Amino acid sequence: MDEFQRSWLLAQLGPDTDTADLERRFFRLRSVRAVALEVLGQRRAKLLADPLKVTVDGVVTMDLQENLRGIERQIDQVRQAPAPDDPGDEDDERKAALAVTWLVPARRYR
């Protein structure tokens, strides 16, 4: 796994993700997209293993349903986003991933 692939994975999974674990998964799966989907799938399974909503009357309510929806949206995004090791010309893909945005003030002041 090269530095560009590692940084893409950390951008998708968060900077606190264990890079040694990512290296082992990449050695086994040979695709950064597969690694990202496997990690996100495990996070989703971990959430589903426990109750999504717990309520102790008058004390606390813990609701993890939005966390589950967020992980599912992230899985969809990883499936659709271009990955650094997708087949094709790498230079074109890296250029396509770079976008320029002009910031314009919403209101002009005098």
C-alpha atoms as a PDB file:
ATOM      1  CA  MET A   1       0.000   0.000   0.000  1.00  0.00           C
ATOM      2  CA  ASP A   2       1.453   3.363  -0.963  1.00  0.00           C
ATOM      3  CA  GLU A   3       1.101   6.671   0.876  1.00  0.00           C
ATOM      4  CA  PHE A   4      -1.690   7.942  -1.406  1.00  0.00           C
ATOM      5  CA  GLN A   5      -3.794   4.820  -0.760  1.00  0.00           C
ATOM      6  CA  ARG A   6      -3.144   5.028   2.988  1.00  0.00           C
ATOM      7  CA  SER A   7      -4.177   8.679   3.118  1.00  0.00           C
ATOM      8  CA  TRP A   8      -7.350   7.906   1.123  1.00  0.00           C
ATOM      9  CA  LEU A   9      -8.259   5.165   3.603  1.00  0.00           C
ATOM     10  CA  LEU A  10      -7.611   7.434   6.587  1.00  0.00           C
ATOM     11  CA  ALA A  11      -9.771  10.130   4.980  1.00  0.00           C
ATOM     12  CA  GLN A  12     -12.615   7.626   4.590  1.00  0.00           C
ATOM     13  CA  LEU A  13     -12.266   5.896   7.961  1.00  0.00           C
ATOM     14  CA  GLY A  14     -10.881   8.584  10.247  1.00  0.00           C
ATOM     15  CA  PRO A  15      -7.354   9.495  11.344  1.00  0.00           C
ATOM     16  CA  ASP A  16      -7.485   7.286  14.462  1.00  0.00           C
ATOM     17  CA  THR A  17      -7.788   4.088  12.413  1.00  0.00           C
ATOM     18  CA  ASP A  18      -4.965   1.598  13.024  1.00  0.00           C
ATOM     19  CA  THR A  19      -2.721   1.752   9.949  1.00  0.00           C
ATOM     20  CA  ALA A  20      -1.121  -1.634  10.719  1.00  0.00           C
ATOM     21  CA  ASP A  21      -4.588  -3.200  10.606  1.00  0.00           C
ATOM     22  CA  LEU A  22      -5.254  -1.456   7.289  1.00  0.00           C
ATOM     23  CA  GLU A  23      -1.970  -2.825   5.910  1.00  0.00           C
ATOM     24  CA  ARG A  24      -2.910  -6.386   6.908  1.00  0.00           C
ATOM     25  CA  ARG A  25      -6.348  -6.068   5.348  1.00  0.00           C
ATOM     26  CA  PHE A  26      -4.894  -4.605   2.151  1.00  0.00           C
ATOM     27  CA  PHE A  27      -2.421  -7.501   1.902  1.00  0.00           C
ATOM     28  CA  ARG A  28      -5.358  -9.912   2.114  1.00  0.00           C
ATOM     29  CA  LEU A  29      -7.935  -8.027  -0.007  1.00  0.00           C
ATOM     30  CA  ARG A  30      -5.651  -6.191  -2.513  1.00  0.00           C
ATOM     31  CA  SER A  31      -8.050  -3.228  -2.857  1.00  0.00           C
ATOM     32  CA  VAL A  32      -8.347  -0.075  -0.767  1.00  0.00           C
ATOM     33  CA  ARG A  33     -12.076   0.137  -1.511  1.00  0.00           C
ATOM     34  CA  ALA A  34     -12.529  -3.442  -0.214  1.00  0.00           C
ATOM     35  CA  VAL A  35     -10.563  -2.529   2.919  1.00  0.00           C
ATOM     36  CA  ALA A  36     -12.716   0.550   3.560  1.00  0.00           C
ATOM     37  CA  LEU A  37     -15.940  -1.394   2.986  1.00  0.00           C
ATOM     38  CA  GLU A  38     -14.813  -4.207   5.285  1.00  0.00           C
ATOM     39  CA  VAL A  39     -13.949  -1.797   8.124  1.00  0.00           C
ATOM     40  CA  LEU A  40     -17.214   0.109   7.710  1.00  0.00           C
ATOM     41  CA  GLY A  41     -19.137  -3.167   7.545  1.00  0.00           C
ATOM     42  CA  GLN A  42     -17.579  -4.278  10.822  1.00  0.00           C
ATOM     43  CA  ARG A  43     -18.470  -0.951  12.437  1.00  0.00           C
ATOM     44  CA  ARG A  44     -22.052  -1.373  11.201  1.00  0.00           C
ATOM     45  CA  ALA A  45     -22.217  -4.951  12.508  1.00  0.00           C
ATOM     46  CA  LYS A  46     -20.916  -3.823  15.887  1.00  0.00           C
ATOM     47  CA  LEU A  47     -23.693  -1.238  16.136  1.00  0.00           C
ATOM     48  CA  LEU A  48     -26.321  -3.806  15.117  1.00  0.00           C
ATOM     49  CA  ALA A  49     -25.077  -6.326  17.697  1.00  0.00           C
ATOM     50  CA  ASP A  50     -26.241  -4.079  20.534  1.00  0.00           C
ATOM     51  CA  PRO A  51     -29.629  -2.413  21.005  1.00  0.00           C
ATOM     52  CA  LEU A  52     -29.841   0.806  18.996  1.00  0.00           C
ATOM     53  CA  LYS A  53     -31.976   2.561  21.580  1.00  0.00           C
ATOM     54  CA  VAL A  54     -31.843   2.236  25.375  1.00  0.00           C
ATOM     55  CA  THR A  55     -34.034   4.221  27.745  1.00  0.00           C
ATOM     56  CA  VAL A  56     -33.873   4.381  31.529  1.00  0.00           C
ATOM     57  CA  ASP A  57     -37.013   6.262  32.537  1.00  0.00           C
ATOM     58  CA  GLY A  58     -36.239   9.672  33.912  1.00  0.00           C
ATOM     59  CA  VAL A  59     -32.482   9.134  33.775  1.00  0.00           C
ATOM     60  CA  VAL A  60     -31.036   8.731  30.300  1.00  0.00           C
ATOM     61  CA  THR A  61     -31.875   7.838  26.716  1.00  0.00           C
ATOM     62  CA  MET A  62     -29.214   6.560  24.345  1.00  0.00           C
ATOM     63  CA  ASP A  63     -30.125   6.394  20.650  1.00  0.00           C
ATOM     64  CA  LEU A  64     -27.581   5.077  18.116  1.00  0.00           C
ATOM     65  CA  GLN A  65     -29.907   4.974  15.095  1.00  0.00           C
ATOM     66  CA  GLU A  66     -28.365   8.103  13.556  1.00  0.00           C
ATOM     67  CA  ASN A  67     -24.901   6.590  13.946  1.00  0.00           C
ATOM     68  CA  LEU A  68     -26.103   3.540  12.016  1.00  0.00           C
ATOM     69  CA  ARG A  69     -27.611   5.715   9.273  1.00  0.00           C
ATOM     70  CA  GLY A  70     -24.372   7.683   9.084  1.00  0.00           C
ATOM     71  CA  ILE A  71     -22.280   4.538   8.611  1.00  0.00           C
ATOM     72  CA  GLU A  72     -24.698   3.294   5.936  1.00  0.00           C
ATOM     73  CA  ARG A  73     -24.406   6.631   4.092  1.00  0.00           C
ATOM     74  CA  GLN A  74     -20.623   6.403   4.382  1.00  0.00           C
ATOM     75  CA  ILE A  75     -20.665   2.874   2.920  1.00  0.00           C
ATOM     76  CA  ASP A  76     -22.695   4.151  -0.052  1.00  0.00           C
ATOM     77  CA  GLN A  77     -20.277   7.043  -0.525  1.00  0.00           C
ATOM     78  CA  VAL A  78     -17.224   4.736  -0.498  1.00  0.00           C
ATOM     79  CA  ARG A  79     -18.891   2.477  -3.079  1.00  0.00           C
ATOM     80  CA  GLN A  80     -19.472   5.434  -5.424  1.00  0.00           C
ATOM     81  CA  ALA A  81     -16.329   7.530  -4.876  1.00  0.00           C
ATOM     82  CA  PRO A  82     -13.265   6.906  -7.043  1.00  0.00           C
ATOM     83  CA  ALA A  83     -10.622   4.925  -5.161  1.00  0.00           C
ATOM     84  CA  PRO A  84      -6.888   5.359  -5.768  1.00  0.00           C
ATOM     85  CA  ASP A  85      -6.462   1.808  -7.034  1.00  0.00           C
ATOM     86  CA  ASP A  86      -9.434   1.698  -9.412  1.00  0.00           C
ATOM     87  CA  PRO A  87      -8.486   0.464 -12.894  1.00  0.00           C
ATOM     88  CA  GLY A  88      -7.647   3.156 -15.409  1.00  0.00           C
ATOM     89  CA  ASP A  89      -5.210   6.014 -15.706  1.00  0.00           C
ATOM     90  CA  GLU A  90      -4.126   6.981 -12.199  1.00  0.00           C
ATOM     91  CA  ASP A  91      -3.176  10.514 -13.190  1.00  0.00           C
ATOM     92  CA  ASP A  92      -6.638  11.204 -14.603  1.00  0.00           C
ATOM     93  CA  GLU A  93      -8.311   9.878 -11.477  1.00  0.00           C
ATOM     94  CA  ARG A  94      -6.150  11.965  -9.183  1.00  0.00           C
ATOM     95  CA  LYS A  95      -6.883  15.044 -11.254  1.00  0.00           C
ATOM     96  CA  ALA A  96     -10.608  14.256 -11.181  1.00  0.00           C
ATOM     97  CA  ALA A  97     -10.518  14.022  -7.400  1.00  0.00           C
ATOM     98  CA  LEU A  98      -9.168  17.562  -7.162  1.00  0.00           C
ATOM     99  CA  ALA A  99     -11.775  20.298  -7.378  1.00  0.00           C
ATOM    100  CA  VAL A 100     -11.526  24.076  -7.153  1.00  0.00           C
ATOM    101  CA  THR A 101     -14.258  26.139  -5.550  1.00  0.00           C
ATOM    102  CA  TRP A 102     -14.540  29.910  -5.529  1.00  0.00           C
ATOM    103  CA  LEU A 103     -15.836  31.372  -2.287  1.00  0.00           C
ATOM    104  CA  VAL A 104     -18.149  34.334  -2.766  1.00  0.00           C
ATOM    105  CA  PRO A 105     -19.646  36.304   0.109  1.00  0.00           C
ATOM    106  CA  ALA A 106     -23.366  35.786   0.472  1.00  0.00           C
ATOM    107  CA  ARG A 107     -23.939  39.488   1.107  1.00  0.00           C
ATOM    108  CA  ARG A 108     -21.963  42.487  -0.083  1.00  0.00           C
ATOM    109  CA  TYR A 109     -21.164  45.115   2.509  1.00  0.00           C
ATOM    110  CA  ARG A 110     -20.804  48.822   1.878  1.00  0.00           C
END
